Amino acid sequence: MPTYVKLTPLKLSSPRHEYQVRVKIGGKVVSRSKRGNDRQLLHLWAINKEIELKSNDEIMMGYCVSHAFERYRDEISPMKSGHKKEKIRLNKFLRDNISNIKLTKLSSKDIEEYIEEKRTQKKPLKPSSIMRDLNLMGVVFATCVKKWRWMNSNPMANVEKPKKTPARDRRITDDEISAILLKLDY
């Protein structure tokens, strides 16, 4: 979001105020500024410059998914009540192949490949475990979009999540009841 600074006139005889507009992207050092008298023109320039900077991959070129996981683990997760388990899960993500992908190149297809890899590995994860992973990833990527402005959109939006396994519905048989009662001397 552009920020505006109203500058005092340089000359005492100048009746018009001069404005300066600054555009910063993602809290990084990448910033642009421009001065002028017409605030509306400066606003249009700022909007166009912001769009141009966000679409430029060179700005976010250095950020991988691992940077997002690490920053989330170190800055946001400690403020939550379940931060210990979240930290373990984020550290596990850092060892996966998905953490090596550039944030600007990350797509729904990469997430779906992650899901498939977890389903077909030597000891496959259950759908509920995969869902917990995806929920945490979704929160991290949403933070990248909304708070840090490292991404333009959340790649989790179009991902088809695994179906939940049906709950078990089991009743104790008469033989099991008899065995329990026998052991309890009832």
Protein backbone atom coordinates (compact mmCIF):
# COMPACT_ATOMS: atom_id res chain seq x y z
CA MET A 1 0.00 0.00 0.00
CA PRO A 2 1.43 3.40 -0.94
CA THR A 3 2.24 5.88 1.80
CA TYR A 4 1.99 9.63 1.28
CA VAL A 5 4.07 12.32 2.90
CA LYS A 6 3.01 15.96 2.71
CA LEU A 7 6.16 18.01 2.29
CA THR A 8 6.42 21.63 3.35
CA PRO A 9 6.86 24.11 0.52
CA LEU A 10 10.49 24.58 -0.46
CA LYS A 11 9.97 28.30 -1.07
CA LEU A 12 7.92 30.53 1.13
CA SER A 13 6.32 32.11 -1.93
CA SER A 14 5.09 28.70 -3.21
CA PRO A 15 1.38 28.32 -2.31
CA ARG A 16 1.14 24.65 -3.30
CA HIS A 17 2.28 21.78 -1.17
CA GLU A 18 4.51 19.12 -2.61
CA TYR A 19 3.80 15.46 -1.92
CA GLN A 20 5.99 12.41 -1.90
CA VAL A 21 4.60 8.92 -2.39
CA ARG A 22 6.48 5.76 -1.39
CA VAL A 23 5.74 2.22 -2.55
CA LYS A 24 7.22 -0.69 -0.56
CA ILE A 25 6.76 -4.34 -1.43
CA GLY A 26 6.68 -7.10 1.17
CA GLY A 27 8.65 -5.21 3.79
CA LYS A 28 11.76 -5.70 1.68
CA VAL A 29 14.18 -2.97 0.85
CA VAL A 30 12.63 -2.69 -2.62
CA SER A 31 10.97 0.71 -2.58
CA ARG A 32 10.23 3.45 -5.06
CA SER A 33 9.28 7.06 -4.45
CA LYS A 34 8.18 10.04 -6.50
CA ARG A 35 7.51 13.72 -5.76
CA GLY A 36 4.95 16.01 -7.27
CA ASN A 37 2.20 18.58 -6.69
CA ASP A 38 -0.79 16.59 -7.99
CA ARG A 39 -1.77 13.95 -5.46
CA GLN A 40 -4.14 12.14 -7.86
CA LEU A 41 -1.39 11.64 -10.44
CA LEU A 42 0.95 10.43 -7.71
CA HIS A 43 -1.71 7.97 -6.55
CA LEU A 44 -2.08 6.54 -10.08
CA TRP A 45 1.70 6.30 -10.38
CA ALA A 46 1.88 4.48 -7.02
CA ILE A 47 -0.79 1.94 -7.98
CA ASN A 48 0.90 1.19 -11.32
CA LYS A 49 4.33 0.95 -9.68
CA GLU A 50 2.99 -1.42 -7.01
CA ILE A 51 1.50 -3.70 -9.66
CA GLU A 52 4.74 -3.58 -11.65
CA LEU A 53 6.88 -4.42 -8.61
CA LYS A 54 4.62 -7.27 -7.46
CA SER A 55 4.66 -8.86 -10.90
CA ASN A 56 8.44 -8.62 -11.12
CA ASP A 57 9.88 -12.01 -10.11
CA GLU A 58 13.30 -10.51 -9.44
CA ILE A 59 12.02 -8.88 -6.26
CA MET A 60 10.94 -12.11 -4.65
CA MET A 61 13.56 -14.15 -6.47
CA GLY A 62 15.44 -15.09 -3.29
CA TYR A 63 12.44 -16.38 -1.35
CA CYS A 64 11.75 -20.10 -1.30
CA VAL A 65 8.95 -21.88 0.51
CA SER A 66 11.54 -22.71 3.18
CA HIS A 67 11.92 -18.99 3.96
CA ALA A 68 8.18 -18.75 4.57
CA PHE A 69 8.17 -21.83 6.82
CA GLU A 70 11.15 -20.56 8.82
CA ARG A 71 9.80 -17.05 9.26
CA TYR A 72 6.38 -18.35 10.29
CA ARG A 73 8.00 -20.79 12.73
CA ASP A 74 10.18 -18.09 14.29
CA GLU A 75 7.80 -15.09 14.33
CA ILE A 76 4.17 -16.18 14.37
CA SER A 77 4.04 -19.72 15.71
CA PRO A 78 5.55 -18.91 19.17
CA MET A 79 2.52 -16.70 19.92
CA LYS A 80 0.13 -19.66 19.58
CA SER A 81 -0.79 -22.15 22.28
CA GLY A 82 0.08 -25.20 20.14
CA HIS A 83 3.40 -23.82 18.96
CA LYS A 84 5.45 -26.88 19.97
CA LYS A 85 3.61 -29.28 17.66
CA GLU A 86 3.43 -26.62 14.96
CA LYS A 87 7.20 -26.12 15.16
CA ILE A 88 7.77 -29.88 14.76
CA ARG A 89 5.49 -29.95 11.71
CA LEU A 90 7.16 -26.88 10.16
CA ASN A 91 10.62 -28.40 10.69
CA LYS A 92 9.34 -31.54 8.96
CA PHE A 93 8.19 -29.39 6.00
CA LEU A 94 11.69 -27.92 5.77
CA ARG A 95 13.07 -31.41 5.05
CA ASP A 96 10.55 -32.02 2.23
CA ASN A 97 11.11 -31.24 -1.44
CA ILE A 98 8.36 -28.60 -1.41
CA SER A 99 10.53 -26.26 0.67
CA ASN A 100 13.01 -25.84 -2.21
CA ILE A 101 10.47 -24.30 -4.59
CA LYS A 102 10.53 -20.53 -5.18
CA LEU A 103 7.44 -18.81 -3.78
CA THR A 104 6.77 -17.11 -7.11
CA LYS A 105 6.82 -20.49 -8.88
CA LEU A 106 4.73 -22.41 -6.32
CA SER A 107 1.44 -23.68 -7.76
CA SER A 108 -1.47 -25.90 -6.84
CA LYS A 109 0.18 -28.66 -8.85
CA ASP A 110 3.17 -28.64 -6.49
CA ILE A 111 0.86 -29.02 -3.49
CA GLU A 112 -1.00 -31.89 -5.17
CA GLU A 113 2.34 -33.60 -5.87
CA TYR A 114 3.17 -33.21 -2.17
CA ILE A 115 -0.14 -34.88 -1.26
CA GLU A 116 0.48 -37.75 -3.67
CA GLU A 117 4.03 -38.21 -2.37
CA LYS A 118 2.72 -38.47 1.20
CA ARG A 119 0.03 -40.97 0.15
CA THR A 120 2.44 -43.26 -1.67
CA GLN A 121 5.59 -43.13 0.49
CA LYS A 122 6.94 -46.23 2.25
CA LYS A 123 4.83 -45.52 5.34
CA PRO A 124 1.87 -43.57 3.90
CA LEU A 125 0.21 -40.82 5.89
CA LYS A 126 -3.47 -41.04 6.70
CA PRO A 127 -5.79 -38.43 5.17
CA SER A 128 -6.24 -36.72 8.55
CA SER A 129 -2.45 -36.21 8.87
CA ILE A 130 -2.26 -34.86 5.33
CA MET A 131 -5.13 -32.49 6.13
CA ARG A 132 -3.25 -31.17 9.20
CA ASP A 133 -0.22 -30.55 6.98
CA LEU A 134 -2.31 -28.79 4.36
CA ASN A 135 -4.11 -26.64 6.92
CA LEU A 136 -0.80 -25.40 8.33
CA MET A 137 0.62 -24.80 4.85
CA GLY A 138 -2.51 -22.87 3.94
CA VAL A 139 -2.08 -20.60 6.96
CA VAL A 140 1.60 -20.01 6.13
CA PHE A 141 0.80 -19.16 2.49
CA ALA A 142 -2.10 -16.91 3.52
CA THR A 143 0.33 -15.05 5.78
CA CYS A 144 2.73 -14.74 2.82
CA VAL A 145 -0.06 -13.17 0.76
CA LYS A 146 -1.77 -10.92 3.31
CA LYS A 147 0.85 -9.95 5.87
CA TRP A 148 4.25 -10.23 4.23
CA ARG A 149 3.12 -9.67 0.60
CA TRP A 150 5.59 -12.26 -0.67
CA MET A 151 3.00 -13.86 -2.97
CA ASN A 152 0.15 -12.60 -5.12
CA SER A 153 -2.23 -15.48 -4.42
CA ASN A 154 -2.52 -18.52 -2.19
CA PRO A 155 -1.74 -21.74 -4.11
CA MET A 156 -3.90 -23.72 -1.66
CA ALA A 157 -7.09 -22.18 -3.07
CA ASN A 158 -7.47 -24.70 -5.90
CA VAL A 159 -6.10 -27.81 -4.20
CA GLU A 160 -8.38 -30.80 -3.85
CA LYS A 161 -7.93 -32.00 -0.31
CA PRO A 162 -8.11 -35.69 0.66
CA LYS A 163 -11.42 -37.03 1.88
CA LYS A 164 -11.78 -37.79 5.57
CA THR A 165 -11.82 -41.43 6.54
CA PRO A 166 -15.17 -42.57 7.92
CA ALA A 167 -15.38 -42.78 11.69
CA ARG A 168 -15.27 -46.24 13.21
CA ASP A 169 -18.55 -47.53 14.57
CA ARG A 170 -17.94 -50.69 16.55
CA ARG A 171 -19.98 -52.35 19.23
CA ILE A 172 -18.73 -54.75 21.86
CA THR A 173 -19.83 -58.32 21.17
CA ASP A 174 -21.54 -60.55 23.74
CA ASP A 175 -18.41 -62.72 23.95
CA GLU A 176 -16.27 -59.69 24.79
CA ILE A 177 -18.76 -58.59 27.47
CA SER A 178 -18.66 -62.07 29.02
CA ALA A 179 -14.85 -62.07 29.02
CA ILE A 180 -14.72 -58.64 30.70
CA LEU A 181 -17.27 -59.63 33.32
CA LEU A 182 -15.40 -62.87 33.99
CA LYS A 183 -12.11 -61.01 34.55
CA LEU A 184 -13.84 -58.56 36.90
CA ASP A 185 -15.50 -61.34 38.88
CA TYR A 186 -18.83 -59.66 38.37
